[in-house]
Amino acid sequence: MNQSSLHPDDLPSHQTIRLSEMMFRQLEEATKKSFFLACDKMTRILLSSCHWYFQINSGILILIMICHDMESYRQIMKTIPHFAEKLKHFTNAAKITVSSPIDKGIPWVLSIDNILPEGDLPSS
């Protein structure tokens, strides 16, 4: 176990930690609703084709998308620049994690700062 070098009186109480965690969950849910409403109809349909949610980890907002089939995975991956641009309206530091269907690959973790805009992507 990791013991703190701080005196117990200097550490947050158990109740403070629980309240903080609850507030983070509420912030994640509110962000999810606002993000969905900020998206256009096609992006909403695409989001609905997978399981997605937000998580805040060390002050970084993470959009997590888990695809149920390869077709939705391919469509999500093509739309990553659009998701990154939308996320920039909510925060300066964000990541996007995209998981393919089970046993079909490893999750991609991308920082929104490292994603090329849609117009700069190489054509396939």
C-alpha atoms as a PDB file:
ATOM      1  CA  MET A   1       0.000   0.000   0.000  1.00  0.00           C
ATOM      2  CA  ASN A   2       1.119   3.525  -0.718  1.00  0.00           C
ATOM      3  CA  GLN A   3       1.428   5.435   2.555  1.00  0.00           C
ATOM      4  CA  SER A   4       1.378   9.230   2.485  1.00  0.00           C
ATOM      5  CA  SER A   5       4.126  11.148   4.245  1.00  0.00           C
ATOM      6  CA  LEU A   6       1.541  13.735   5.324  1.00  0.00           C
ATOM      7  CA  HIS A   7       0.033  13.756   8.785  1.00  0.00           C
ATOM      8  CA  PRO A   8      -3.535  12.310   8.725  1.00  0.00           C
ATOM      9  CA  ASP A   9      -4.916  15.734   9.728  1.00  0.00           C
ATOM     10  CA  ASP A  10      -3.441  17.185   6.516  1.00  0.00           C
ATOM     11  CA  LEU A  11      -5.158  14.650   4.255  1.00  0.00           C
ATOM     12  CA  PRO A  12      -8.686  15.103   2.864  1.00  0.00           C
ATOM     13  CA  SER A  13     -11.401  13.279   4.749  1.00  0.00           C
ATOM     14  CA  HIS A  14     -13.071  10.179   3.343  1.00  0.00           C
ATOM     15  CA  GLN A  15     -16.261  12.221   2.869  1.00  0.00           C
ATOM     16  CA  THR A  16     -14.374  14.928   0.935  1.00  0.00           C
ATOM     17  CA  ILE A  17     -12.875  12.310  -1.385  1.00  0.00           C
ATOM     18  CA  ARG A  18     -16.312  10.715  -1.998  1.00  0.00           C
ATOM     19  CA  LEU A  19     -17.887  14.109  -2.739  1.00  0.00           C
ATOM     20  CA  SER A  20     -15.064  14.991  -5.107  1.00  0.00           C
ATOM     21  CA  GLU A  21     -15.493  11.706  -6.993  1.00  0.00           C
ATOM     22  CA  MET A  22     -19.256  12.259  -7.201  1.00  0.00           C
ATOM     23  CA  MET A  23     -18.743  15.769  -8.586  1.00  0.00           C
ATOM     24  CA  PHE A  24     -16.349  14.435 -11.234  1.00  0.00           C
ATOM     25  CA  ARG A  25     -18.970  11.863 -12.325  1.00  0.00           C
ATOM     26  CA  GLN A  26     -21.586  14.628 -12.554  1.00  0.00           C
ATOM     27  CA  LEU A  27     -19.200  16.778 -14.598  1.00  0.00           C
ATOM     28  CA  GLU A  28     -18.520  13.849 -16.948  1.00  0.00           C
ATOM     29  CA  GLU A  29     -22.260  13.275 -17.458  1.00  0.00           C
ATOM     30  CA  ALA A  30     -22.950  16.983 -18.040  1.00  0.00           C
ATOM     31  CA  THR A  31     -20.082  17.121 -20.544  1.00  0.00           C
ATOM     32  CA  LYS A  32     -21.465  14.073 -22.351  1.00  0.00           C
ATOM     33  CA  LYS A  33     -24.894  15.703 -22.728  1.00  0.00           C
ATOM     34  CA  SER A  34     -23.444  19.039 -23.880  1.00  0.00           C
ATOM     35  CA  PHE A  35     -21.065  17.351 -26.315  1.00  0.00           C
ATOM     36  CA  PHE A  36     -23.874  15.270 -27.848  1.00  0.00           C
ATOM     37  CA  LEU A  37     -26.075  18.350 -28.274  1.00  0.00           C
ATOM     38  CA  ALA A  38     -23.184  20.258 -29.907  1.00  0.00           C
ATOM     39  CA  CYS A  39     -22.790  17.539 -32.566  1.00  0.00           C
ATOM     40  CA  ASP A  40     -24.591  17.514 -35.901  1.00  0.00           C
ATOM     41  CA  LYS A  41     -27.138  14.834 -36.794  1.00  0.00           C
ATOM     42  CA  MET A  42     -24.668  12.547 -38.601  1.00  0.00           C
ATOM     43  CA  THR A  43     -22.177  12.681 -35.730  1.00  0.00           C
ATOM     44  CA  ARG A  44     -24.960  11.856 -33.248  1.00  0.00           C
ATOM     45  CA  ILE A  45     -25.924   8.825 -35.333  1.00  0.00           C
ATOM     46  CA  LEU A  46     -22.279   7.746 -35.407  1.00  0.00           C
ATOM     47  CA  LEU A  47     -21.981   8.143 -31.625  1.00  0.00           C
ATOM     48  CA  SER A  48     -25.142   6.092 -31.204  1.00  0.00           C
ATOM     49  CA  SER A  49     -23.508   3.225 -33.095  1.00  0.00           C
ATOM     50  CA  CYS A  50     -21.045   2.642 -30.256  1.00  0.00           C
ATOM     51  CA  HIS A  51     -20.774   2.808 -26.476  1.00  0.00           C
ATOM     52  CA  TRP A  52     -19.222   6.149 -25.524  1.00  0.00           C
ATOM     53  CA  TYR A  53     -18.657   8.238 -22.435  1.00  0.00           C
ATOM     54  CA  PHE A  54     -16.348  10.826 -20.913  1.00  0.00           C
ATOM     55  CA  GLN A  55     -13.831  10.323 -18.154  1.00  0.00           C
ATOM     56  CA  ILE A  56     -11.689  12.892 -16.394  1.00  0.00           C
ATOM     57  CA  ASN A  57      -8.260  11.608 -15.417  1.00  0.00           C
ATOM     58  CA  SER A  58      -5.640  13.913 -13.879  1.00  0.00           C
ATOM     59  CA  GLY A  59      -7.469  16.944 -15.251  1.00  0.00           C
ATOM     60  CA  ILE A  60      -7.598  15.596 -18.808  1.00  0.00           C
ATOM     61  CA  LEU A  61     -10.965  15.037 -20.479  1.00  0.00           C
ATOM     62  CA  ILE A  62     -11.052  11.683 -22.271  1.00  0.00           C
ATOM     63  CA  LEU A  63     -13.681  10.716 -24.837  1.00  0.00           C
ATOM     64  CA  ILE A  64     -13.894   6.919 -24.752  1.00  0.00           C
ATOM     65  CA  MET A  65     -15.603   5.121 -27.638  1.00  0.00           C
ATOM     66  CA  ILE A  66     -16.065   1.358 -27.769  1.00  0.00           C
ATOM     67  CA  CYS A  67     -17.203   0.067 -31.152  1.00  0.00           C
ATOM     68  CA  HIS A  68     -19.438  -2.987 -31.411  1.00  0.00           C
ATOM     69  CA  ASP A  69     -18.552  -3.878 -35.000  1.00  0.00           C
ATOM     70  CA  MET A  70     -15.835  -3.158 -37.545  1.00  0.00           C
ATOM     71  CA  GLU A  71     -18.044  -0.916 -39.695  1.00  0.00           C
ATOM     72  CA  SER A  72     -18.744   1.500 -36.837  1.00  0.00           C
ATOM     73  CA  TYR A  73     -15.044   1.323 -35.887  1.00  0.00           C
ATOM     74  CA  ARG A  74     -13.990   2.367 -39.407  1.00  0.00           C
ATOM     75  CA  GLN A  75     -16.536   5.202 -39.472  1.00  0.00           C
ATOM     76  CA  ILE A  76     -15.457   6.451 -36.035  1.00  0.00           C
ATOM     77  CA  MET A  77     -11.779   6.378 -37.045  1.00  0.00           C
ATOM     78  CA  LYS A  78     -12.541   8.411 -40.197  1.00  0.00           C
ATOM     79  CA  THR A  79     -14.312  11.008 -38.062  1.00  0.00           C
ATOM     80  CA  ILE A  80     -11.631  11.430 -35.380  1.00  0.00           C
ATOM     81  CA  PRO A  81     -10.568  14.910 -36.645  1.00  0.00           C
ATOM     82  CA  HIS A  82     -14.175  16.089 -36.351  1.00  0.00           C
ATOM     83  CA  PHE A  83     -14.431  14.731 -32.780  1.00  0.00           C
ATOM     84  CA  ALA A  84     -11.153  16.470 -31.913  1.00  0.00           C
ATOM     85  CA  GLU A  85     -12.422  19.809 -33.212  1.00  0.00           C
ATOM     86  CA  LYS A  86     -15.631  19.441 -31.176  1.00  0.00           C
ATOM     87  CA  LEU A  87     -13.642  18.569 -28.038  1.00  0.00           C
ATOM     88  CA  LYS A  88     -11.543  21.722 -28.414  1.00  0.00           C
ATOM     89  CA  HIS A  89     -14.716  23.702 -27.637  1.00  0.00           C
ATOM     90  CA  PHE A  90     -14.831  22.021 -24.222  1.00  0.00           C
ATOM     91  CA  THR A  91     -11.192  21.855 -23.130  1.00  0.00           C
ATOM     92  CA  ASN A  92      -7.601  22.502 -24.189  1.00  0.00           C
ATOM     93  CA  ALA A  93      -6.350  19.133 -22.956  1.00  0.00           C
ATOM     94  CA  ALA A  94      -8.285  16.108 -24.162  1.00  0.00           C
ATOM     95  CA  LYS A  95      -7.726  12.622 -25.478  1.00  0.00           C
ATOM     96  CA  ILE A  96      -9.809  10.283 -27.579  1.00  0.00           C
ATOM     97  CA  THR A  97      -9.730   6.535 -27.018  1.00  0.00           C
ATOM     98  CA  VAL A  98     -11.274   4.270 -29.655  1.00  0.00           C
ATOM     99  CA  SER A  99     -11.596   0.538 -29.060  1.00  0.00           C
ATOM    100  CA  SER A 100     -12.396  -1.884 -31.840  1.00  0.00           C
ATOM    101  CA  PRO A 101     -14.698  -4.845 -31.226  1.00  0.00           C
ATOM    102  CA  ILE A 102     -13.349  -7.411 -28.756  1.00  0.00           C
ATOM    103  CA  ASP A 103     -10.309  -9.327 -30.012  1.00  0.00           C
ATOM    104  CA  LYS A 104     -10.043  -7.186 -33.179  1.00  0.00           C
ATOM    105  CA  GLY A 105      -7.130  -4.943 -32.189  1.00  0.00           C
ATOM    106  CA  ILE A 106      -5.794  -2.620 -29.534  1.00  0.00           C
ATOM    107  CA  PRO A 107      -7.407   0.666 -28.447  1.00  0.00           C
ATOM    108  CA  TRP A 108      -6.156   3.872 -30.054  1.00  0.00           C
ATOM    109  CA  VAL A 109      -5.363   6.698 -27.637  1.00  0.00           C
ATOM    110  CA  LEU A 110      -4.952  10.070 -29.342  1.00  0.00           C
ATOM    111  CA  SER A 111      -4.348  13.528 -27.925  1.00  0.00           C
ATOM    112  CA  ILE A 112      -6.464  16.181 -29.655  1.00  0.00           C
ATOM    113  CA  ASP A 113      -3.301  18.245 -30.128  1.00  0.00           C
ATOM    114  CA  ASN A 114      -1.748  15.505 -32.296  1.00  0.00           C
ATOM    115  CA  ILE A 115      -4.666  14.978 -34.679  1.00  0.00           C
ATOM    116  CA  LEU A 116      -4.490  16.457 -38.154  1.00  0.00           C
ATOM    117  CA  PRO A 117      -7.486  18.529 -39.254  1.00  0.00           C
ATOM    118  CA  GLU A 118      -9.806  16.744 -41.720  1.00  0.00           C
ATOM    119  CA  GLY A 119      -8.495  18.725 -44.691  1.00  0.00           C
ATOM    120  CA  ASP A 120      -4.889  17.716 -43.919  1.00  0.00           C
ATOM    121  CA  LEU A 121      -5.469  13.965 -43.780  1.00  0.00           C
ATOM    122  CA  PRO A 122      -3.792  11.895 -46.493  1.00  0.00           C
ATOM    123  CA  SER A 123      -6.232  10.505 -49.050  1.00  0.00           C
ATOM    124  CA  SER A 124      -6.593   6.728 -49.174  1.00  0.00           C
END
